Amino acid sequence: MKFVQRFAYYLVGLVIGCFFVALVYSGKDTRCNYFPNARVLNDIRNKPFEYSERASKVLAESWIDTTDIKNCLEFGDVDFDKSDTEFGKNVKLYVIEGKTANNVEIILTVKNEEGKATLENIIKK
């Protein structure tokens, strides 16, 4: 068998294999959250999200809005040293640092329970 024929068989097998791999992974909502920061933020985003009274008062001010909160929960950094993440507790308190659209640094305090996440406080840095 000539090299050209072997190469043609290889390409046909490669195309069929790529088709099946694309078919298998196209219907799934897969995420690669390997690091703790990404896991915590993904867990908070996927739960029903509520705002406390104190956070609602801060959101009523003009310097921040809910899109800034959503961006902070997407691209922010979790400060595990300041967070209360004791193993075995049902409610964990996370401190998330991020920026608004106007580059104002903010600190969010989020209470993460089993069924919901609650934004407790918003602090301008």
PDB file of N, CA and C in Angstrom:
ATOM      1  N   MET A   1       0.847  -1.165   0.000  1.00  0.00           N
ATOM      2  CA  MET A   1       0.000   0.000   0.000  1.00  0.00           C
ATOM      3  C   MET A   1       0.902   1.240   0.000  1.00  0.00           C
ATOM      4  N   LYS A   2       0.562   2.164  -0.856  1.00  0.00           N
ATOM      5  CA  LYS A   2       1.365   3.373  -0.995  1.00  0.00           C
ATOM      6  C   LYS A   2       1.067   4.339   0.143  1.00  0.00           C
ATOM      7  N   PHE A   3       1.959   5.274   0.315  1.00  0.00           N
ATOM      8  CA  PHE A   3       1.817   6.259   1.377  1.00  0.00           C
ATOM      9  C   PHE A   3       0.551   7.099   1.202  1.00  0.00           C
ATOM     10  N   VAL A   4       0.219   7.442  -0.008  1.00  0.00           N
ATOM     11  CA  VAL A   4      -0.958   8.271  -0.274  1.00  0.00           C
ATOM     12  C   VAL A   4      -2.226   7.535   0.159  1.00  0.00           C
ATOM     13  N   GLN A   5      -2.293   6.233  -0.093  1.00  0.00           N
ATOM     14  CA  GLN A   5      -3.460   5.460   0.316  1.00  0.00           C
ATOM     15  C   GLN A   5      -3.557   5.364   1.838  1.00  0.00           C
ATOM     16  N   ARG A   6      -2.438   5.129   2.495  1.00  0.00           N
ATOM     17  CA  ARG A   6      -2.439   5.069   3.963  1.00  0.00           C
ATOM     18  C   ARG A   6      -2.847   6.404   4.554  1.00  0.00           C
ATOM     19  N   PHE A   7      -2.357   7.490   3.972  1.00  0.00           N
ATOM     20  CA  PHE A   7      -2.706   8.826   4.463  1.00  0.00           C
ATOM     21  C   PHE A   7      -4.194   9.115   4.261  1.00  0.00           C
ATOM     22  N   ALA A   8      -4.764   8.657   3.141  1.00  0.00           N
ATOM     23  CA  ALA A   8      -6.192   8.837   2.880  1.00  0.00           C
ATOM     24  C   ALA A   8      -7.022   8.063   3.897  1.00  0.00           C
ATOM     25  N   TYR A   9      -6.639   6.824   4.213  1.00  0.00           N
ATOM     26  CA  TYR A   9      -7.341   6.045   5.231  1.00  0.00           C
ATOM     27  C   TYR A   9      -7.244   6.736   6.598  1.00  0.00           C
ATOM     28  N   TYR A  10      -6.092   7.258   6.911  1.00  0.00           N
ATOM     29  CA  TYR A  10      -5.896   7.973   8.172  1.00  0.00           C
ATOM     30  C   TYR A  10      -6.829   9.179   8.254  1.00  0.00           C
ATOM     31  N   LEU A  11      -6.904   9.971   7.179  1.00  0.00           N
ATOM     32  CA  LEU A  11      -7.758  11.163   7.187  1.00  0.00           C
ATOM     33  C   LEU A  11      -9.240  10.812   7.301  1.00  0.00           C
ATOM     34  N   VAL A  12      -9.658   9.735   6.625  1.00  0.00           N
ATOM     35  CA  VAL A  12     -11.058   9.312   6.721  1.00  0.00           C
ATOM     36  C   VAL A  12     -11.379   8.907   8.162  1.00  0.00           C
ATOM     37  N   GLY A  13     -10.506   8.167   8.793  1.00  0.00           N
ATOM     38  CA  GLY A  13     -10.712   7.757  10.189  1.00  0.00           C
ATOM     39  C   GLY A  13     -10.690   8.949  11.139  1.00  0.00           C
ATOM     40  N   LEU A  14      -9.824   9.895  10.864  1.00  0.00           N
ATOM     41  CA  LEU A  14      -9.740  11.091  11.708  1.00  0.00           C
ATOM     42  C   LEU A  14     -11.016  11.920  11.611  1.00  0.00           C
ATOM     43  N   VAL A  15     -11.543  12.086  10.425  1.00  0.00           N
ATOM     44  CA  VAL A  15     -12.767  12.865  10.226  1.00  0.00           C
ATOM     45  C   VAL A  15     -13.953  12.171  10.897  1.00  0.00           C
ATOM     46  N   ILE A  16     -14.056  10.868  10.750  1.00  0.00           N
ATOM     47  CA  ILE A  16     -15.152  10.133  11.389  1.00  0.00           C
ATOM     48  C   ILE A  16     -15.030  10.223  12.919  1.00  0.00           C
ATOM     49  N   GLY A  17     -13.831  10.085  13.433  1.00  0.00           N
ATOM     50  CA  GLY A  17     -13.610  10.191  14.884  1.00  0.00           C
ATOM     51  C   GLY A  17     -13.939  11.577  15.414  1.00  0.00           C
ATOM     52  N   CYS A  18     -13.537  12.616  14.699  1.00  0.00           N
ATOM     53  CA  CYS A  18     -13.864  13.988  15.118  1.00  0.00           C
ATOM     54  C   CYS A  18     -15.364  14.224  15.089  1.00  0.00           C
ATOM     55  N   PHE A  19     -16.043  13.655  14.113  1.00  0.00           N
ATOM     56  CA  PHE A  19     -17.501  13.785  14.034  1.00  0.00           C
ATOM     57  C   PHE A  19     -18.167  13.170  15.263  1.00  0.00           C
ATOM     58  N   PHE A  20     -17.749  11.974  15.647  1.00  0.00           N
ATOM     59  CA  PHE A  20     -18.353  11.324  16.810  1.00  0.00           C
ATOM     60  C   PHE A  20     -18.031  12.056  18.113  1.00  0.00           C
ATOM     61  N   VAL A  21     -16.830  12.559  18.264  1.00  0.00           N
ATOM     62  CA  VAL A  21     -16.477  13.320  19.459  1.00  0.00           C
ATOM     63  C   VAL A  21     -17.310  14.594  19.540  1.00  0.00           C
ATOM     64  N   ALA A  22     -17.471  15.285  18.421  1.00  0.00           N
ATOM     65  CA  ALA A  22     -18.296  16.498  18.408  1.00  0.00           C
ATOM     66  C   ALA A  22     -19.751  16.170  18.704  1.00  0.00           C
ATOM     67  N   LEU A  23     -20.226  15.052  18.230  1.00  0.00           N
ATOM     68  CA  LEU A  23     -21.601  14.634  18.474  1.00  0.00           C
ATOM     69  C   LEU A  23     -21.832  14.349  19.958  1.00  0.00           C
ATOM     70  N   VAL A  24     -20.884  13.711  20.594  1.00  0.00           N
ATOM     71  CA  VAL A  24     -21.029  13.360  22.007  1.00  0.00           C
ATOM     72  C   VAL A  24     -20.994  14.603  22.879  1.00  0.00           C
ATOM     73  N   TYR A  25     -20.075  15.527  22.631  1.00  0.00           N
ATOM     74  CA  TYR A  25     -19.895  16.681  23.515  1.00  0.00           C
ATOM     75  C   TYR A  25     -20.753  17.887  23.154  1.00  0.00           C
ATOM     76  N   SER A  26     -21.463  17.861  22.048  1.00  0.00           N
ATOM     77  CA  SER A  26     -22.233  19.042  21.661  1.00  0.00           C
ATOM     78  C   SER A  26     -23.469  19.234  22.521  1.00  0.00           C
ATOM     79  N   GLY A  27     -24.089  18.189  23.016  1.00  0.00           N
ATOM     80  CA  GLY A  27     -25.310  18.311  23.786  1.00  0.00           C
ATOM     81  C   GLY A  27     -25.095  18.533  25.267  1.00  0.00           C
ATOM     82  N   LYS A  28     -23.888  18.485  25.734  1.00  0.00           N
ATOM     83  CA  LYS A  28     -23.634  18.595  27.159  1.00  0.00           C
ATOM     84  C   LYS A  28     -23.180  20.007  27.516  1.00  0.00           C
ATOM     85  N   ASP A  29     -23.593  20.428  28.676  1.00  0.00           N
ATOM     86  CA  ASP A  29     -23.150  21.720  29.206  1.00  0.00           C
ATOM     87  C   ASP A  29     -21.963  21.458  30.128  1.00  0.00           C
ATOM     88  N   THR A  30     -20.789  21.313  29.537  1.00  0.00           N
ATOM     89  CA  THR A  30     -19.611  20.961  30.316  1.00  0.00           C
ATOM     90  C   THR A  30     -18.819  22.202  30.676  1.00  0.00           C
ATOM     91  N   ARG A  31     -18.292  22.192  31.872  1.00  0.00           N
ATOM     92  CA  ARG A  31     -17.421  23.260  32.359  1.00  0.00           C
ATOM     93  C   ARG A  31     -16.197  22.625  32.996  1.00  0.00           C
ATOM     94  N   CYS A  32     -15.087  23.292  32.899  1.00  0.00           N
ATOM     95  CA  CYS A  32     -13.850  22.792  33.490  1.00  0.00           C
ATOM     96  C   CYS A  32     -13.461  23.697  34.651  1.00  0.00           C
ATOM     97  N   ASN A  33     -14.055  23.471  35.791  1.00  0.00           N
ATOM     98  CA  ASN A  33     -13.765  24.261  36.975  1.00  0.00           C
ATOM     99  C   ASN A  33     -12.851  23.450  37.887  1.00  0.00           C
ATOM    100  N   TYR A  34     -11.566  23.555  37.633  1.00  0.00           N
ATOM    101  CA  TYR A  34     -10.620  22.760  38.393  1.00  0.00           C
ATOM    102  C   TYR A  34     -10.131  23.477  39.646  1.00  0.00           C
ATOM    103  N   PHE A  35     -10.131  24.788  39.645  1.00  0.00           N
ATOM    104  CA  PHE A  35      -9.574  25.536  40.756  1.00  0.00           C
ATOM    105  C   PHE A  35     -10.667  25.960  41.727  1.00  0.00           C
ATOM    106  N   PRO A  36     -10.340  26.111  43.007  1.00  0.00           N
ATOM    107  CA  PRO A  36     -11.359  26.442  44.011  1.00  0.00           C
ATOM    108  C   PRO A  36     -12.094  27.749  43.724  1.00  0.00           C
ATOM    109  N   ASN A  37     -11.408  28.755  43.227  1.00  0.00           N
ATOM    110  CA  ASN A  37     -12.038  30.037  42.929  1.00  0.00           C
ATOM    111  C   ASN A  37     -13.155  29.865  41.900  1.00  0.00           C
ATOM    112  N   ALA A  38     -12.879  29.137  40.833  1.00  0.00           N
ATOM    113  CA  ALA A  38     -13.870  28.922  39.783  1.00  0.00           C
ATOM    114  C   ALA A  38     -15.023  28.056  40.272  1.00  0.00           C
ATOM    115  N   ARG A  39     -14.737  27.085  41.124  1.00  0.00           N
ATOM    116  CA  ARG A  39     -15.796  26.219  41.645  1.00  0.00           C
ATOM    117  C   ARG A  39     -16.771  26.995  42.520  1.00  0.00           C
ATOM    118  N   VAL A  40     -16.236  27.845  43.393  1.00  0.00           N
ATOM    119  CA  VAL A  40     -17.094  28.615  44.296  1.00  0.00           C
ATOM    120  C   VAL A  40     -17.952  29.592  43.502  1.00  0.00           C
ATOM    121  N   LEU A  41     -17.358  30.324  42.575  1.00  0.00           N
ATOM    122  CA  LEU A  41     -18.115  31.292  41.789  1.00  0.00           C
ATOM    123  C   LEU A  41     -19.177  30.601  40.937  1.00  0.00           C
ATOM    124  N   ASN A  42     -18.861  29.460  40.362  1.00  0.00           N
ATOM    125  CA  ASN A  42     -19.835  28.713  39.569  1.00  0.00           C
ATOM    126  C   ASN A  42     -20.980  28.206  40.444  1.00  0.00           C
ATOM    127  N   ASP A  43     -20.660  27.741  41.643  1.00  0.00           N
ATOM    128  CA  ASP A  43     -21.692  27.259  42.561  1.00  0.00           C
ATOM    129  C   ASP A  43     -22.638  28.387  42.960  1.00  0.00           C
ATOM    130  N   ILE A  44     -22.108  29.567  43.214  1.00  0.00           N
ATOM    131  CA  ILE A  44     -22.939  30.710  43.603  1.00  0.00           C
ATOM    132  C   ILE A  44     -23.805  31.158  42.421  1.00  0.00           C
ATOM    133  N   ARG A  45     -23.248  31.189  41.220  1.00  0.00           N
ATOM    134  CA  ARG A  45     -24.004  31.632  40.048  1.00  0.00           C
ATOM    135  C   ARG A  45     -25.142  30.682  39.690  1.00  0.00           C
ATOM    136  N   ASN A  46     -24.994  29.396  39.970  1.00  0.00           N
ATOM    137  CA  ASN A  46     -25.994  28.419  39.571  1.00  0.00           C
ATOM    138  C   ASN A  46     -27.139  28.260  40.557  1.00  0.00           C
ATOM    139  N   LYS A  47     -27.081  28.939  41.685  1.00  0.00           N
ATOM    140  CA  LYS A  47     -28.148  28.865  42.684  1.00  0.00           C
ATOM    141  C   LYS A  47     -29.063  30.067  42.549  1.00  0.00           C
ATOM    142  N   PRO A  48     -30.288  29.961  43.096  1.00  0.00           N
ATOM    143  CA  PRO A  48     -31.133  31.163  43.158  1.00  0.00           C
ATOM    144  C   PRO A  48     -30.434  32.229  43.994  1.00  0.00           C
ATOM    145  N   PHE A  49     -30.384  33.453  43.457  1.00  0.00           N
ATOM    146  CA  PHE A  49     -29.598  34.518  44.083  1.00  0.00           C
ATOM    147  C   PHE A  49     -30.537  35.561  44.666  1.00  0.00           C
ATOM    148  N   GLU A  50     -30.309  35.917  45.918  1.00  0.00           N
ATOM    149  CA  GLU A  50     -31.137  36.900  46.606  1.00  0.00           C
ATOM    150  C   GLU A  50     -30.252  38.024  47.138  1.00  0.00           C
ATOM    151  N   TYR A  51     -30.902  39.150  47.476  1.00  0.00           N
ATOM    152  CA  TYR A  51     -30.201  40.310  48.022  1.00  0.00           C
ATOM    153  C   TYR A  51     -30.736  40.604  49.412  1.00  0.00           C
ATOM    154  N   SER A  52     -29.836  40.862  50.352  1.00  0.00           N
ATOM    155  CA  SER A  52     -30.269  41.243  51.697  1.00  0.00           C
ATOM    156  C   SER A  52     -30.712  42.702  51.687  1.00  0.00           C
ATOM    157  N   GLU A  53     -31.270  43.144  52.809  1.00  0.00           N
ATOM    158  CA  GLU A  53     -31.720  44.536  52.909  1.00  0.00           C
ATOM    159  C   GLU A  53     -30.559  45.509  52.758  1.00  0.00           C
ATOM    160  N   ARG A  54     -29.447  45.189  53.415  1.00  0.00           N
ATOM    161  CA  ARG A  54     -28.278  46.067  53.366  1.00  0.00           C
ATOM    162  C   ARG A  54     -27.734  46.165  51.947  1.00  0.00           C
ATOM    163  N   ALA A  55     -27.683  45.040  51.241  1.00  0.00           N
ATOM    164  CA  ALA A  55     -27.195  45.046  49.864  1.00  0.00           C
ATOM    165  C   ALA A  55     -28.160  45.784  48.949  1.00  0.00           C
ATOM    166  N   SER A  56     -29.450  45.664  49.203  1.00  0.00           N
ATOM    167  CA  SER A  56     -30.439  46.372  48.382  1.00  0.00           C
ATOM    168  C   SER A  56     -30.317  47.884  48.549  1.00  0.00           C
ATOM    169  N   LYS A  57     -29.989  48.322  49.760  1.00  0.00           N
ATOM    170  CA  LYS A  57     -29.793  49.761  49.990  1.00  0.00           C
ATOM    171  C   LYS A  57     -28.586  50.274  49.221  1.00  0.00           C
ATOM    172  N   VAL A  58     -27.525  49.491  49.194  1.00  0.00           N
ATOM    173  CA  VAL A  58     -26.327  49.905  48.452  1.00  0.00           C
ATOM    174  C   VAL A  58     -26.607  49.890  46.955  1.00  0.00           C
ATOM    175  N   LEU A  59     -27.375  48.896  46.477  1.00  0.00           N
ATOM    176  CA  LEU A  59     -27.714  48.831  45.055  1.00  0.00           C
ATOM    177  C   LEU A  59     -28.612  49.983  44.628  1.00  0.00           C
ATOM    178  N   ALA A  60     -29.323  50.586  45.567  1.00  0.00           N
ATOM    179  CA  ALA A  60     -30.166  51.737  45.243  1.00  0.00           C
ATOM    180  C   ALA A  60     -29.326  52.975  44.946  1.00  0.00           C
ATOM    181  N   GLU A  61     -28.082  52.982  45.394  1.00  0.00           N
ATOM    182  CA  GLU A  61     -27.186  54.091  45.090  1.00  0.00           C
ATOM    183  C   GLU A  61     -26.778  54.013  43.619  1.00  0.00           C
ATOM    184  N   SER A  62     -26.281  55.106  43.093  1.00  0.00           N
ATOM    185  CA  SER A  62     -26.042  55.172  41.644  1.00  0.00           C
ATOM    186  C   SER A  62     -24.678  54.634  41.207  1.00  0.00           C
ATOM    187  N   TRP A  63     -23.797  54.317  42.105  1.00  0.00           N
ATOM    188  CA  TRP A  63     -22.442  53.932  41.697  1.00  0.00           C
ATOM    189  C   TRP A  63     -22.312  52.449  41.357  1.00  0.00           C
ATOM    190  N   ILE A  64     -23.330  51.638  41.629  1.00  0.00           N
ATOM    191  CA  ILE A  64     -23.252  50.200  41.362  1.00  0.00           C
ATOM    192  C   ILE A  64     -24.630  49.693  40.937  1.00  0.00           C
ATOM    193  N   ASP A  65     -24.641  48.651  40.107  1.00  0.00           N
ATOM    194  CA  ASP A  65     -25.903  48.031  39.730  1.00  0.00           C
ATOM    195  C   ASP A  65     -25.732  46.513  39.654  1.00  0.00           C
ATOM    196  N   THR A  66     -26.793  45.819  39.271  1.00  0.00           N
ATOM    197  CA  THR A  66     -26.764  44.361  39.305  1.00  0.00           C
ATOM    198  C   THR A  66     -25.834  43.756  38.251  1.00  0.00           C
ATOM    199  N   THR A  67     -25.592  44.461  37.158  1.00  0.00           N
ATOM    200  CA  THR A  67     -24.653  43.927  36.169  1.00  0.00           C
ATOM    201  C   THR A  67     -23.235  43.902  36.726  1.00  0.00           C
ATOM    202  N   ASP A  68     -22.906  44.870  37.574  1.00  0.00           N
ATOM    203  CA  ASP A  68     -21.596  44.850  38.229  1.00  0.00           C
ATOM    204  C   ASP A  68     -21.484  43.654  39.168  1.00  0.00           C
ATOM    205  N   ILE A  69     -22.575  43.329  39.848  1.00  0.00           N
ATOM    206  CA  ILE A  69     -22.580  42.174  40.743  1.00  0.00           C
ATOM    207  C   ILE A  69     -22.400  40.890  39.939  1.00  0.00           C
ATOM    208  N   LYS A  70     -23.118  40.773  38.823  1.00  0.00           N
ATOM    209  CA  LYS A  70     -23.002  39.575  37.992  1.00  0.00           C
ATOM    210  C   LYS A  70     -21.597  39.436  37.408  1.00  0.00           C
ATOM    211  N   ASN A  71     -20.999  40.543  36.982  1.00  0.00           N
ATOM    212  CA  ASN A  71     -19.630  40.495  36.463  1.00  0.00           C
ATOM    213  C   ASN A  71     -18.642  40.121  37.554  1.00  0.00           C
ATOM    214  N   CYS A  72     -18.877  40.604  38.759  1.00  0.00           N
ATOM    215  CA  CYS A  72     -17.996  40.267  39.880  1.00  0.00           C
ATOM    216  C   CYS A  72     -18.110  38.779  40.215  1.00  0.00           C
ATOM    217  N   LEU A  73     -19.317  38.228  40.114  1.00  0.00           N
ATOM    218  CA  LEU A  73     -19.496  36.799  40.363  1.00  0.00           C
ATOM    219  C   LEU A  73     -18.961  35.945  39.220  1.00  0.00           C
ATOM    220  N   GLU A  74     -18.734  36.546  38.072  1.00  0.00           N
ATOM    221  CA  GLU A  74     -18.165  35.826  36.932  1.00  0.00           C
ATOM    222  C   GLU A  74     -16.636  35.900  36.924  1.00  0.00           C
ATOM    223  N   PHE A  75     -16.097  37.091  37.174  1.00  0.00           N
ATOM    224  CA  PHE A  75     -14.656  37.311  37.016  1.00  0.00           C
ATOM    225  C   PHE A  75     -13.946  37.690  38.303  1.00  0.00           C
ATOM    226  N   GLY A  76     -14.632  37.688  39.437  1.00  0.00           N
ATOM    227  CA  GLY A  76     -14.038  38.121  40.695  1.00  0.00           C
ATOM    228  C   GLY A  76     -13.089  37.092  41.285  1.00  0.00           C
ATOM    229  N   ASP A  77     -12.454  37.493  42.380  1.00  0.00           N
ATOM    230  CA  ASP A  77     -11.529  36.628  43.104  1.00  0.00           C
ATOM    231  C   ASP A  77     -12.070  36.381  44.506  1.00  0.00           C
ATOM    232  N   VAL A  78     -12.137  35.118  44.897  1.00  0.00           N
ATOM    233  CA  VAL A  78     -12.607  34.762  46.230  1.00  0.00           C
ATOM    234  C   VAL A  78     -11.414  34.849  47.185  1.00  0.00           C
ATOM    235  N   ASP A  79     -11.577  35.599  48.266  1.00  0.00           N
ATOM    236  CA  ASP A  79     -10.539  35.704  49.289  1.00  0.00           C
ATOM    237  C   ASP A  79     -10.841  34.657  50.354  1.00  0.00           C
ATOM    238  N   PHE A  80     -10.175  33.520  50.256  1.00  0.00           N
ATOM    239  CA  PHE A  80     -10.447  32.413  51.171  1.00  0.00           C
ATOM    240  C   PHE A  80      -9.933  32.685  52.580  1.00  0.00           C
ATOM    241  N   ASP A  81      -8.951  33.575  52.722  1.00  0.00           N
ATOM    242  CA  ASP A  81      -8.454  33.903  54.054  1.00  0.00           C
ATOM    243  C   ASP A  81      -9.499  34.653  54.874  1.00  0.00           C
ATOM    244  N   LYS A  82     -10.259  35.517  54.229  1.00  0.00           N
ATOM    245  CA  LYS A  82     -11.287  36.291  54.927  1.00  0.00           C
ATOM    246  C   LYS A  82     -12.633  35.575  54.958  1.00  0.00           C
ATOM    247  N   SER A  83     -12.802  34.553  54.145  1.00  0.00           N
ATOM    248  CA  SER A  83     -14.073  33.832  54.063  1.00  0.00           C
ATOM    249  C   SER A  83     -14.197  32.839  55.211  1.00  0.00           C
ATOM    250  N   ASP A  84     -15.439  32.527  55.565  1.00  0.00           N
ATOM    251  CA  ASP A  84     -15.733  31.538  56.598  1.00  0.00           C
ATOM    252  C   ASP A  84     -16.211  30.266  55.906  1.00  0.00           C
ATOM    253  N   THR A  85     -15.261  29.372  55.632  1.00  0.00           N
ATOM    254  CA  THR A  85     -15.570  28.162  54.864  1.00  0.00           C
ATOM    255  C   THR A  85     -15.282  26.905  55.672  1.00  0.00           C
ATOM    256  N   GLU A  86     -15.660  26.920  56.917  1.00  0.00           N
ATOM    257  CA  GLU A  86     -15.391  25.776  57.785  1.00  0.00           C
ATOM    258  C   GLU A  86     -16.075  24.530  57.248  1.00  0.00           C
ATOM    259  N   PHE A  87     -15.353  23.419  57.234  1.00  0.00           N
ATOM    260  CA  PHE A  87     -15.865  22.164  56.678  1.00  0.00           C
ATOM    261  C   PHE A  87     -17.025  21.654  57.530  1.00  0.00           C
ATOM    262  N   GLY A  88     -18.076  21.240  56.883  1.00  0.00           N
ATOM    263  CA  GLY A  88     -19.216  20.666  57.574  1.00  0.00           C
ATOM    264  C   GLY A  88     -20.319  21.657  57.891  1.00  0.00           C
ATOM    265  N   LYS A  89     -20.074  22.953  57.697  1.00  0.00           N
ATOM    266  CA  LYS A  89     -21.115  23.941  57.949  1.00  0.00           C
ATOM    267  C   LYS A  89     -22.088  23.982  56.773  1.00  0.00           C
ATOM    268  N   ASN A  90     -23.356  24.221  57.074  1.00  0.00           N
ATOM    269  CA  ASN A  90     -24.349  24.319  56.010  1.00  0.00           C
ATOM    270  C   ASN A  90     -24.324  25.672  55.326  1.00  0.00           C
ATOM    271  N   VAL A  91     -23.925  26.708  56.059  1.00  0.00           N
ATOM    272  CA  VAL A  91     -23.882  28.064  55.515  1.00  0.00           C
ATOM    273  C   VAL A  91     -22.427  28.525  55.509  1.00  0.00           C
ATOM    274  N   LYS A  92     -21.953  28.924  54.336  1.00  0.00           N
ATOM    275  CA  LYS A  92     -20.578  29.417  54.210  1.00  0.00           C
ATOM    276  C   LYS A  92     -20.630  30.863  53.756  1.00  0.00           C
ATOM    277  N   LEU A  93     -19.722  31.661  54.265  1.00  0.00           N
ATOM    278  CA  LEU A  93     -19.672  33.085  53.960  1.00  0.00           C
ATOM    279  C   LEU A  93     -18.419  33.350  53.133  1.00  0.00           C
ATOM    280  N   TYR A  94     -18.597  33.824  51.905  1.00  0.00           N
ATOM    281  CA  TYR A  94     -17.480  34.075  51.004  1.00  0.00           C
ATOM    282  C   TYR A  94     -17.291  35.569  50.794  1.00  0.00           C
ATOM    283  N   VAL A  95     -16.036  35.984  50.748  1.00  0.00           N
ATOM    284  CA  VAL A  95     -15.669  37.368  50.448  1.00  0.00           C
ATOM    285  C   VAL A  95     -15.090  37.369  49.039  1.00  0.00           C
ATOM    286  N   ILE A  96     -15.741  38.123  48.145  1.00  0.00           N
ATOM    287  CA  ILE A  96     -15.357  38.148  46.731  1.00  0.00           C
ATOM    288  C   ILE A  96     -14.953  39.570  46.367  1.00  0.00           C
ATOM    289  N   GLU A  97     -13.775  39.700  45.783  1.00  0.00           N
ATOM    290  CA  GLU A  97     -13.277  41.005  45.365  1.00  0.00           C
ATOM    291  C   GLU A  97     -13.415  41.133  43.856  1.00  0.00           C
ATOM    292  N   GLY A  98     -13.831  42.320  43.415  1.00  0.00           N
ATOM    293  CA  GLY A  98     -13.999  42.552  41.990  1.00  0.00           C
ATOM    294  C   GLY A  98     -14.039  44.035  41.687  1.00  0.00           C
ATOM    295  N   LYS A  99     -14.433  44.360  40.453  1.00  0.00           N
ATOM    296  CA  LYS A  99     -14.500  45.753  40.009  1.00  0.00           C
ATOM    297  C   LYS A  99     -15.829  45.994  39.317  1.00  0.00           C
ATOM    298  N   THR A 100     -16.276  47.245  39.378  1.00  0.00           N
ATOM    299  CA  THR A 100     -17.473  47.645  38.646  1.00  0.00           C
ATOM    300  C   THR A 100     -17.077  48.028  37.228  1.00  0.00           C
ATOM    301  N   ALA A 101     -18.051  48.436  36.445  1.00  0.00           N
ATOM    302  CA  ALA A 101     -17.768  48.869  35.068  1.00  0.00           C
ATOM    303  C   ALA A 101     -16.957  50.164  35.054  1.00  0.00           C
ATOM    304  N   ASN A 102     -17.034  50.937  36.132  1.00  0.00           N
ATOM    305  CA  ASN A 102     -16.276  52.191  36.236  1.00  0.00           C
ATOM    306  C   ASN A 102     -14.937  51.996  36.941  1.00  0.00           C
ATOM    307  N   ASN A 103     -14.464  50.763  37.072  1.00  0.00           N
ATOM    308  CA  ASN A 103     -13.201  50.397  37.725  1.00  0.00           C
ATOM    309  C   ASN A 103     -13.146  50.792  39.194  1.00  0.00           C
ATOM    310  N   VAL A 104     -14.287  50.760  39.851  1.00  0.00           N
ATOM    311  CA  VAL A 104     -14.330  50.942  41.295  1.00  0.00           C
ATOM    312  C   VAL A 104     -14.200  49.568  41.927  1.00  0.00           C
ATOM    313  N   GLU A 105     -13.206  49.408  42.799  1.00  0.00           N
ATOM    314  CA  GLU A 105     -13.007  48.117  43.438  1.00  0.00           C
ATOM    315  C   GLU A 105     -14.061  47.902  44.514  1.00  0.00           C
ATOM    316  N   ILE A 106     -14.665  46.717  44.506  1.00  0.00           N
ATOM    317  CA  ILE A 106     -15.711  46.398  45.468  1.00  0.00           C
ATOM    318  C   ILE A 106     -15.409  45.063  46.137  1.00  0.00           C
ATOM    319  N   ILE A 107     -16.002  44.889  47.301  1.00  0.00           N
ATOM    320  CA  ILE A 107     -15.918  43.632  48.029  1.00  0.00           C
ATOM    321  C   ILE A 107     -17.341  43.170  48.307  1.00  0.00           C
ATOM    322  N   LEU A 108     -17.661  41.968  47.862  1.00  0.00           N
ATOM    323  CA  LEU A 108     -18.978  41.380  48.085  1.00  0.00           C
ATOM    324  C   LEU A 108     -18.874  40.332  49.176  1.00  0.00           C
ATOM    325  N   THR A 109     -19.854  40.306  50.039  1.00  0.00           N
ATOM    326  CA  THR A 109     -19.958  39.263  51.044  1.00  0.00           C
ATOM    327  C   THR A 109     -21.189  38.437  50.691  1.00  0.00           C
ATOM    328  N   VAL A 110     -20.968  37.167  50.352  1.00  0.00           N
ATOM    329  CA  VAL A 110     -22.048  36.304  49.878  1.00  0.00           C
ATOM    330  C   VAL A 110     -22.201  35.129  50.839  1.00  0.00           C
ATOM    331  N   LYS A 111     -23.443  34.920  51.297  1.00  0.00           N
ATOM    332  CA  LYS A 111     -23.762  33.778  52.145  1.00  0.00           C
ATOM    333  C   LYS A 111     -24.238  32.656  51.232  1.00  0.00           C
ATOM    334  N   ASN A 112     -23.523  31.542  51.241  1.00  0.00           N
ATOM    335  CA  ASN A 112     -23.813  30.415  50.356  1.00  0.00           C
ATOM    336  C   ASN A 112     -24.433  29.290  51.172  1.00  0.00           C
ATOM    337  N   GLU A 113     -25.722  29.055  50.943  1.00  0.00           N
ATOM    338  CA  GLU A 113     -26.429  27.960  51.602  1.00  0.00           C
ATOM    339  C   GLU A 113     -26.638  26.839  50.599  1.00  0.00           C
ATOM    340  N   GLU A 114     -27.270  25.748  51.034  1.00  0.00           N
ATOM    341  CA  GLU A 114     -27.468  24.621  50.123  1.00  0.00           C
ATOM    342  C   GLU A 114     -28.392  24.947  48.972  1.00  0.00           C
ATOM    343  N   GLY A 115     -29.479  25.673  49.224  1.00  0.00           N
ATOM    344  CA  GLY A 115     -30.458  25.905  48.188  1.00  0.00           C
ATOM    345  C   GLY A 115     -30.432  27.286  47.576  1.00  0.00           C
ATOM    346  N   LYS A 116     -29.682  28.220  48.159  1.00  0.00           N
ATOM    347  CA  LYS A 116     -29.673  29.585  47.637  1.00  0.00           C
ATOM    348  C   LYS A 116     -28.387  30.295  48.047  1.00  0.00           C
ATOM    349  N   ALA A 117     -28.132  31.408  47.386  1.00  0.00           N
ATOM    350  CA  ALA A 117     -27.004  32.277  47.726  1.00  0.00           C
ATOM    351  C   ALA A 117     -27.569  33.671  47.969  1.00  0.00           C
ATOM    352  N   THR A 118     -27.085  34.332  49.014  1.00  0.00           N
ATOM    353  CA  THR A 118     -27.592  35.645  49.385  1.00  0.00           C
ATOM    354  C   THR A 118     -26.443  36.634  49.448  1.00  0.00           C
ATOM    355  N   LEU A 119     -26.586  37.749  48.740  1.00  0.00           N
ATOM    356  CA  LEU A 119     -25.605  38.826  48.813  1.00  0.00           C
ATOM    357  C   LEU A 119     -25.878  39.604  50.088  1.00  0.00           C
ATOM    358  N   GLU A 120     -24.947  39.544  51.024  1.00  0.00           N
ATOM    359  CA  GLU A 120     -25.142  40.171  52.332  1.00  0.00           C
ATOM    360  C   GLU A 120     -24.718  41.632  52.339  1.00  0.00           C
ATOM    361  N   ASN A 121     -23.566  41.944  51.741  1.00  0.00           N
ATOM    362  CA  ASN A 121     -23.031  43.295  51.853  1.00  0.00           C
ATOM    363  C   ASN A 121     -22.181  43.620  50.637  1.00  0.00           C
ATOM    364  N   ILE A 122     -22.145  44.907  50.307  1.00  0.00           N
ATOM    365  CA  ILE A 122     -21.301  45.428  49.234  1.00  0.00           C
ATOM    366  C   ILE A 122     -20.492  46.577  49.828  1.00  0.00           C
ATOM    367  N   ILE A 123     -19.182  46.481  49.708  1.00  0.00           N
ATOM    368  CA  ILE A 123     -18.301  47.507  50.271  1.00  0.00           C
ATOM    369  C   ILE A 123     -17.464  48.086  49.150  1.00  0.00           C
ATOM    370  N   LYS A 124     -17.403  49.424  49.111  1.00  0.00           N
ATOM    371  CA  LYS A 124     -16.524  50.103  48.151  1.00  0.00           C
ATOM    372  C   LYS A 124     -15.143  50.167  48.772  1.00  0.00           C
ATOM    373  N   LYS A 125     -14.145  49.698  48.061  1.00  0.00           N
ATOM    374  CA  LYS A 125     -12.768  49.655  48.578  1.00  0.00           C
ATOM    375  C   LYS A 125     -12.124  51.015  48.556  1.00  0.00           C
TER     376      LYS A 125
END
